[in-house]
Amino acid sequence: MKSKQVEFSSHTGNLALMRNFVREFLNGYPLSEKERTLMVLGVDEACTNIIRHAYHLQDDQPIALCLEDSGDCLRMRLRDYGKQAPLEDIHGRPPELIKPGGLGVHLIRSAFDKVDYILRSRGTELVLTKRLQPQT
């Protein structure tokens, strides 16, 4: 299994570097440009949610991102050590409700085939899975 990992602090200035890290990892996989872009934006949104909700905008807290290729799918694991949200509270607002905020969860769920929130003894692990189409 191929994997790459990066750790960074919860400073929003690190998000551009994280997006480049994910984009670089996705190069060479049988994904459309739209799929790639949605996946990068989905991970960015998840990191933004960690910064905002788990770390309450503290910019010096750790975030770990592990990118994995298991052959038939790609997994992106985001780990934080901040405040946990009850799993039933993790949902987006209805997309037809026009107002700022709340669409990030919808974006994440549309970019990935499976989204799992795992509550750890400290913090949360978010596992984003994208199935790869077999190459013909």
N, C-alpha and C. Protein backbone atom coordinates (compact mmCIF):
# COMPACT_ATOMS: atom_id res chain seq x y z
N MET A 1 0.84 -1.17 0.00
CA MET A 1 0.00 0.00 0.00
C MET A 1 0.89 1.24 0.00
N LYS A 2 0.63 2.12 -0.92
CA LYS A 2 1.36 3.38 -1.01
C LYS A 2 0.71 4.39 -0.07
N SER A 3 1.52 5.11 0.70
CA SER A 3 0.95 6.14 1.55
C SER A 3 1.94 7.29 1.73
N LYS A 4 1.38 8.44 1.98
CA LYS A 4 2.17 9.64 2.27
C LYS A 4 1.50 10.33 3.44
N GLN A 5 2.30 10.93 4.29
CA GLN A 5 1.75 11.60 5.46
C GLN A 5 2.39 12.96 5.64
N VAL A 6 1.60 13.89 6.15
CA VAL A 6 2.10 15.21 6.48
C VAL A 6 1.39 15.67 7.76
N GLU A 7 2.13 16.37 8.59
CA GLU A 7 1.55 16.99 9.78
C GLU A 7 1.79 18.48 9.67
N PHE A 8 0.80 19.25 10.10
CA PHE A 8 0.91 20.71 10.03
C PHE A 8 0.09 21.32 11.15
N SER A 9 0.37 22.57 11.46
CA SER A 9 -0.38 23.24 12.51
C SER A 9 -1.68 23.80 11.93
N SER A 10 -2.60 24.10 12.81
CA SER A 10 -3.94 24.52 12.42
C SER A 10 -4.02 25.98 11.97
N HIS A 11 -2.95 26.50 11.46
CA HIS A 11 -2.92 27.87 10.91
C HIS A 11 -3.48 27.82 9.49
N THR A 12 -4.42 28.70 9.17
CA THR A 12 -5.04 28.68 7.83
C THR A 12 -4.02 28.91 6.72
N GLY A 13 -2.89 29.51 7.04
CA GLY A 13 -1.84 29.70 6.03
C GLY A 13 -1.26 28.39 5.53
N ASN A 14 -1.47 27.31 6.27
CA ASN A 14 -0.97 26.00 5.85
C ASN A 14 -1.89 25.28 4.88
N LEU A 15 -3.10 25.78 4.68
CA LEU A 15 -4.07 25.08 3.83
C LEU A 15 -3.63 25.01 2.37
N ALA A 16 -2.99 26.03 1.86
CA ALA A 16 -2.53 26.00 0.46
C ALA A 16 -1.48 24.91 0.27
N LEU A 17 -0.57 24.76 1.23
CA LEU A 17 0.44 23.70 1.16
C LEU A 17 -0.21 22.33 1.22
N MET A 18 -1.22 22.18 2.08
CA MET A 18 -1.94 20.91 2.20
C MET A 18 -2.67 20.59 0.90
N ARG A 19 -3.31 21.59 0.27
CA ARG A 19 -4.00 21.35 -1.01
C ARG A 19 -3.02 20.89 -2.07
N ASN A 20 -1.85 21.50 -2.14
CA ASN A 20 -0.82 21.08 -3.10
C ASN A 20 -0.35 19.66 -2.82
N PHE A 21 -0.21 19.30 -1.56
CA PHE A 21 0.20 17.96 -1.15
C PHE A 21 -0.81 16.92 -1.65
N VAL A 22 -2.09 17.21 -1.47
CA VAL A 22 -3.15 16.29 -1.91
C VAL A 22 -3.18 16.23 -3.43
N ARG A 23 -3.12 17.39 -4.09
CA ARG A 23 -3.16 17.44 -5.56
C ARG A 23 -2.01 16.64 -6.16
N GLU A 24 -0.83 16.79 -5.60
CA GLU A 24 0.36 16.07 -6.07
C GLU A 24 0.16 14.55 -5.92
N PHE A 25 -0.39 14.13 -4.78
CA PHE A 25 -0.65 12.71 -4.53
C PHE A 25 -1.62 12.14 -5.56
N LEU A 26 -2.62 12.92 -5.94
CA LEU A 26 -3.67 12.44 -6.85
C LEU A 26 -3.23 12.35 -8.31
N ASN A 27 -2.13 13.00 -8.65
CA ASN A 27 -1.63 12.94 -10.03
C ASN A 27 -1.36 11.49 -10.42
N GLY A 28 -1.77 11.12 -11.61
CA GLY A 28 -1.51 9.78 -12.10
C GLY A 28 -2.61 8.77 -11.81
N TYR A 29 -3.58 9.16 -10.99
CA TYR A 29 -4.70 8.25 -10.72
C TYR A 29 -5.79 8.47 -11.76
N PRO A 30 -6.57 7.42 -12.06
CA PRO A 30 -7.62 7.54 -13.08
C PRO A 30 -8.83 8.30 -12.56
N LEU A 31 -8.63 9.60 -12.36
CA LEU A 31 -9.68 10.49 -11.87
C LEU A 31 -9.85 11.63 -12.86
N SER A 32 -11.06 12.10 -13.00
CA SER A 32 -11.28 13.27 -13.86
C SER A 32 -10.77 14.50 -13.11
N GLU A 33 -10.58 15.57 -13.84
CA GLU A 33 -10.14 16.82 -13.22
C GLU A 33 -11.18 17.29 -12.20
N LYS A 34 -12.45 17.10 -12.51
CA LYS A 34 -13.52 17.47 -11.58
C LYS A 34 -13.41 16.65 -10.29
N GLU A 35 -13.19 15.34 -10.40
CA GLU A 35 -13.06 14.50 -9.21
C GLU A 35 -11.87 14.93 -8.37
N ARG A 36 -10.74 15.21 -9.02
CA ARG A 36 -9.54 15.66 -8.32
C ARG A 36 -9.81 16.95 -7.56
N THR A 37 -10.40 17.90 -8.27
CA THR A 37 -10.68 19.20 -7.66
C THR A 37 -11.63 19.07 -6.48
N LEU A 38 -12.69 18.27 -6.63
CA LEU A 38 -13.63 18.07 -5.53
C LEU A 38 -12.96 17.41 -4.33
N MET A 39 -12.08 16.46 -4.59
CA MET A 39 -11.38 15.80 -3.48
C MET A 39 -10.47 16.78 -2.74
N VAL A 40 -9.74 17.60 -3.48
CA VAL A 40 -8.86 18.60 -2.86
C VAL A 40 -9.71 19.58 -2.04
N LEU A 41 -10.82 20.05 -2.62
CA LEU A 41 -11.68 20.98 -1.90
C LEU A 41 -12.33 20.32 -0.68
N GLY A 42 -12.67 19.02 -0.81
CA GLY A 42 -13.25 18.31 0.31
C GLY A 42 -12.30 18.20 1.48
N VAL A 43 -11.04 17.88 1.21
CA VAL A 43 -10.04 17.80 2.29
C VAL A 43 -9.80 19.19 2.87
N ASP A 44 -9.76 20.20 2.02
CA ASP A 44 -9.60 21.59 2.49
C ASP A 44 -10.76 21.96 3.42
N GLU A 45 -11.96 21.63 3.03
CA GLU A 45 -13.14 21.94 3.86
C GLU A 45 -13.07 21.20 5.19
N ALA A 46 -12.64 19.94 5.17
CA ALA A 46 -12.51 19.18 6.40
C ALA A 46 -11.48 19.81 7.33
N CYS A 47 -10.36 20.26 6.77
CA CYS A 47 -9.33 20.93 7.58
C CYS A 47 -9.87 22.24 8.16
N THR A 48 -10.60 22.98 7.34
CA THR A 48 -11.20 24.23 7.80
C THR A 48 -12.17 23.96 8.96
N ASN A 49 -12.94 22.89 8.85
CA ASN A 49 -13.86 22.53 9.94
C ASN A 49 -13.11 22.16 11.20
N ILE A 50 -11.98 21.46 11.06
CA ILE A 50 -11.16 21.13 12.22
C ILE A 50 -10.68 22.41 12.89
N ILE A 51 -10.15 23.32 12.09
CA ILE A 51 -9.63 24.58 12.63
C ILE A 51 -10.74 25.36 13.34
N ARG A 52 -11.88 25.43 12.70
CA ARG A 52 -12.99 26.24 13.23
C ARG A 52 -13.68 25.56 14.43
N HIS A 53 -14.01 24.29 14.30
CA HIS A 53 -14.86 23.65 15.30
C HIS A 53 -14.10 22.84 16.36
N ALA A 54 -13.06 22.12 15.95
CA ALA A 54 -12.31 21.32 16.93
C ALA A 54 -11.31 22.17 17.71
N TYR A 55 -10.69 23.13 17.01
CA TYR A 55 -9.64 23.94 17.64
C TYR A 55 -10.06 25.38 17.92
N HIS A 56 -11.29 25.74 17.59
CA HIS A 56 -11.82 27.08 17.87
C HIS A 56 -10.86 28.19 17.45
N LEU A 57 -10.34 28.04 16.24
CA LEU A 57 -9.45 29.01 15.56
C LEU A 57 -8.07 29.14 16.20
N GLN A 58 -7.69 28.26 17.11
CA GLN A 58 -6.31 28.27 17.61
C GLN A 58 -5.42 27.84 16.45
N ASP A 59 -4.36 28.57 16.19
CA ASP A 59 -3.55 28.30 15.00
C ASP A 59 -2.28 27.50 15.25
N ASP A 60 -2.16 26.89 16.42
CA ASP A 60 -0.93 26.16 16.75
C ASP A 60 -1.20 24.70 17.14
N GLN A 61 -2.34 24.17 16.71
CA GLN A 61 -2.71 22.81 17.09
C GLN A 61 -2.40 21.83 15.95
N PRO A 62 -2.10 20.56 16.27
CA PRO A 62 -1.66 19.61 15.24
C PRO A 62 -2.82 19.02 14.43
N ILE A 63 -2.56 18.88 13.14
CA ILE A 63 -3.44 18.16 12.23
C ILE A 63 -2.54 17.20 11.45
N ALA A 64 -2.94 15.95 11.36
CA ALA A 64 -2.18 14.96 10.58
C ALA A 64 -3.05 14.52 9.41
N LEU A 65 -2.44 14.42 8.24
CA LEU A 65 -3.12 13.97 7.04
C LEU A 65 -2.33 12.81 6.46
N CYS A 66 -2.99 11.67 6.32
CA CYS A 66 -2.37 10.50 5.71
C CYS A 66 -3.15 10.14 4.45
N LEU A 67 -2.44 10.01 3.33
CA LEU A 67 -3.04 9.66 2.05
C LEU A 67 -2.62 8.24 1.72
N GLU A 68 -3.60 7.38 1.42
CA GLU A 68 -3.31 5.96 1.21
C GLU A 68 -3.91 5.47 -0.10
N ASP A 69 -3.16 4.62 -0.77
CA ASP A 69 -3.62 3.93 -1.98
C ASP A 69 -3.68 2.45 -1.63
N SER A 70 -4.90 1.89 -1.55
CA SER A 70 -5.02 0.47 -1.22
C SER A 70 -5.31 -0.37 -2.46
N GLY A 71 -5.09 0.19 -3.63
CA GLY A 71 -5.29 -0.55 -4.88
C GLY A 71 -6.61 -0.23 -5.54
N ASP A 72 -7.72 -0.52 -4.86
CA ASP A 72 -9.04 -0.27 -5.45
C ASP A 72 -9.67 1.03 -4.96
N CYS A 73 -9.01 1.68 -3.98
CA CYS A 73 -9.53 2.96 -3.50
C CYS A 73 -8.42 3.81 -2.90
N LEU A 74 -8.73 5.08 -2.78
CA LEU A 74 -7.84 6.04 -2.11
C LEU A 74 -8.50 6.43 -0.80
N ARG A 75 -7.69 6.52 0.25
CA ARG A 75 -8.20 6.96 1.55
C ARG A 75 -7.40 8.16 2.02
N MET A 76 -8.11 9.11 2.58
CA MET A 76 -7.48 10.28 3.17
C MET A 76 -7.93 10.34 4.62
N ARG A 77 -6.96 10.24 5.52
CA ARG A 77 -7.27 10.24 6.96
C ARG A 77 -6.79 11.54 7.57
N LEU A 78 -7.72 12.25 8.17
CA LEU A 78 -7.41 13.50 8.87
C LEU A 78 -7.57 13.27 10.36
N ARG A 79 -6.56 13.63 11.12
CA ARG A 79 -6.58 13.39 12.56
C ARG A 79 -6.37 14.70 13.29
N ASP A 80 -7.27 14.96 14.24
CA ASP A 80 -7.10 16.13 15.11
C ASP A 80 -7.21 15.66 16.56
N TYR A 81 -6.83 16.54 17.47
CA TYR A 81 -6.86 16.23 18.90
C TYR A 81 -7.70 17.25 19.65
N GLY A 82 -8.63 17.86 18.94
CA GLY A 82 -9.44 18.92 19.51
C GLY A 82 -10.78 18.44 20.03
N LYS A 83 -11.68 19.40 20.20
CA LYS A 83 -13.02 19.14 20.73
C LYS A 83 -13.79 18.28 19.74
N GLN A 84 -14.40 17.24 20.25
CA GLN A 84 -15.19 16.35 19.41
C GLN A 84 -16.61 16.91 19.26
N ALA A 85 -17.15 16.74 18.06
CA ALA A 85 -18.55 17.07 17.83
C ALA A 85 -19.34 15.78 17.92
N PRO A 86 -20.50 15.81 18.57
CA PRO A 86 -21.34 14.60 18.55
C PRO A 86 -21.64 14.22 17.11
N LEU A 87 -21.53 12.93 16.79
CA LEU A 87 -21.70 12.48 15.40
C LEU A 87 -23.04 12.91 14.82
N GLU A 88 -24.08 12.97 15.64
CA GLU A 88 -25.39 13.37 15.11
C GLU A 88 -25.43 14.86 14.75
N ASP A 89 -24.46 15.63 15.22
CA ASP A 89 -24.42 17.06 14.89
C ASP A 89 -23.64 17.34 13.60
N ILE A 90 -23.01 16.32 13.02
CA ILE A 90 -22.21 16.53 11.81
C ILE A 90 -23.09 16.30 10.59
N HIS A 91 -23.68 17.36 10.14
CA HIS A 91 -24.53 17.31 8.94
C HIS A 91 -24.57 18.72 8.37
N GLY A 92 -24.80 18.80 7.10
CA GLY A 92 -24.89 20.11 6.45
C GLY A 92 -26.33 20.59 6.45
N ARG A 93 -26.49 21.85 6.17
CA ARG A 93 -27.83 22.39 6.03
C ARG A 93 -28.37 22.01 4.67
N PRO A 94 -29.68 22.09 4.47
CA PRO A 94 -30.22 21.77 3.14
C PRO A 94 -29.62 22.70 2.09
N PRO A 95 -29.13 22.15 0.95
CA PRO A 95 -28.47 22.99 -0.05
C PRO A 95 -29.37 24.06 -0.63
N GLU A 96 -30.69 23.86 -0.59
CA GLU A 96 -31.59 24.86 -1.16
C GLU A 96 -31.77 26.07 -0.24
N LEU A 97 -31.34 25.95 1.01
CA LEU A 97 -31.42 27.07 1.94
C LEU A 97 -30.25 28.00 1.63
N ILE A 98 -30.54 29.14 1.07
CA ILE A 98 -29.49 30.05 0.60
C ILE A 98 -29.03 30.95 1.73
N LYS A 99 -27.84 30.65 2.23
CA LYS A 99 -27.17 31.46 3.24
C LYS A 99 -25.74 30.96 3.35
N PRO A 100 -24.84 31.79 3.86
CA PRO A 100 -23.45 31.35 3.97
C PRO A 100 -23.29 30.24 5.01
N GLY A 101 -22.34 29.35 4.73
CA GLY A 101 -21.97 28.31 5.68
C GLY A 101 -22.86 27.09 5.63
N GLY A 102 -22.30 25.97 6.07
CA GLY A 102 -23.07 24.74 6.20
C GLY A 102 -23.07 23.83 4.99
N LEU A 103 -22.42 24.22 3.91
CA LEU A 103 -22.40 23.36 2.72
C LEU A 103 -21.16 22.48 2.65
N GLY A 104 -20.23 22.67 3.57
CA GLY A 104 -18.98 21.91 3.55
C GLY A 104 -19.19 20.42 3.65
N VAL A 105 -20.10 19.99 4.52
CA VAL A 105 -20.35 18.56 4.68
C VAL A 105 -20.91 17.99 3.38
N HIS A 106 -21.78 18.74 2.70
CA HIS A 106 -22.31 18.30 1.41
C HIS A 106 -21.18 18.16 0.38
N LEU A 107 -20.27 19.13 0.37
CA LEU A 107 -19.13 19.08 -0.55
C LEU A 107 -18.28 17.84 -0.27
N ILE A 108 -17.98 17.59 0.99
CA ILE A 108 -17.16 16.43 1.36
C ILE A 108 -17.85 15.14 0.93
N ARG A 109 -19.14 15.04 1.21
CA ARG A 109 -19.88 13.81 0.86
C ARG A 109 -20.03 13.63 -0.65
N SER A 110 -20.04 14.71 -1.41
CA SER A 110 -20.14 14.57 -2.87
C SER A 110 -18.77 14.24 -3.49
N ALA A 111 -17.69 14.59 -2.81
CA ALA A 111 -16.35 14.34 -3.35
C ALA A 111 -15.88 12.91 -3.08
N PHE A 112 -16.41 12.28 -2.02
CA PHE A 112 -15.94 10.96 -1.61
C PHE A 112 -17.10 9.97 -1.58
N ASP A 113 -16.77 8.69 -1.77
CA ASP A 113 -17.78 7.64 -1.76
C ASP A 113 -18.18 7.24 -0.34
N LYS A 114 -17.28 7.42 0.60
CA LYS A 114 -17.55 7.03 1.98
C LYS A 114 -16.89 8.04 2.90
N VAL A 115 -17.61 8.47 3.92
CA VAL A 115 -17.11 9.44 4.89
C VAL A 115 -17.37 8.87 6.28
N ASP A 116 -16.30 8.62 7.04
CA ASP A 116 -16.43 8.04 8.38
C ASP A 116 -15.77 8.95 9.40
N TYR A 117 -16.50 9.26 10.46
CA TYR A 117 -15.97 10.01 11.60
C TYR A 117 -15.74 9.01 12.72
N ILE A 118 -14.50 8.92 13.19
CA ILE A 118 -14.15 7.99 14.26
C ILE A 118 -13.72 8.82 15.47
N LEU A 119 -14.51 8.73 16.54
CA LEU A 119 -14.17 9.45 17.76
C LEU A 119 -13.07 8.68 18.48
N ARG A 120 -11.97 9.34 18.76
CA ARG A 120 -10.84 8.73 19.47
C ARG A 120 -10.88 9.17 20.93
N SER A 121 -9.99 8.61 21.75
CA SER A 121 -9.98 9.02 23.16
C SER A 121 -9.71 10.51 23.27
N ARG A 122 -8.97 11.05 22.33
CA ARG A 122 -8.73 12.49 22.22
C ARG A 122 -8.89 12.87 20.77
N GLY A 123 -9.85 13.68 20.45
CA GLY A 123 -10.01 14.15 19.09
C GLY A 123 -10.78 13.19 18.20
N THR A 124 -10.62 13.43 16.91
CA THR A 124 -11.40 12.72 15.89
C THR A 124 -10.51 12.33 14.73
N GLU A 125 -10.83 11.19 14.12
CA GLU A 125 -10.20 10.80 12.86
C GLU A 125 -11.30 10.78 11.81
N LEU A 126 -11.09 11.51 10.74
CA LEU A 126 -12.02 11.55 9.62
C LEU A 126 -11.40 10.72 8.50
N VAL A 127 -12.12 9.72 8.01
CA VAL A 127 -11.62 8.85 6.95
C VAL A 127 -12.47 9.07 5.72
N LEU A 128 -11.84 9.57 4.66
CA LEU A 128 -12.51 9.87 3.39
C LEU A 128 -12.05 8.84 2.37
N THR A 129 -12.99 8.12 1.77
CA THR A 129 -12.64 7.04 0.84
C THR A 129 -13.22 7.33 -0.53
N LYS A 130 -12.39 7.17 -1.56
CA LYS A 130 -12.80 7.33 -2.96
C LYS A 130 -12.44 6.03 -3.71
N ARG A 131 -13.46 5.37 -4.22
CA ARG A 131 -13.21 4.15 -5.00
C ARG A 131 -12.62 4.54 -6.34
N LEU A 132 -11.66 3.72 -6.79
CA LEU A 132 -11.05 3.92 -8.10
C LEU A 132 -11.75 3.00 -9.10
N GLN A 133 -12.03 3.52 -10.27
CA GLN A 133 -12.61 2.71 -11.34
C GLN A 133 -11.51 1.85 -11.94
N PRO A 134 -11.79 0.58 -12.19
CA PRO A 134 -10.75 -0.26 -12.82
C PRO A 134 -10.40 0.28 -14.19
N GLN A 135 -9.11 0.27 -14.50
CA GLN A 135 -8.65 0.75 -15.80
C GLN A 135 -8.89 -0.32 -16.84
N THR A 136 -9.35 0.11 -18.00
CA THR A 136 -9.61 -0.86 -19.09
C THR A 136 -8.55 -0.77 -20.15
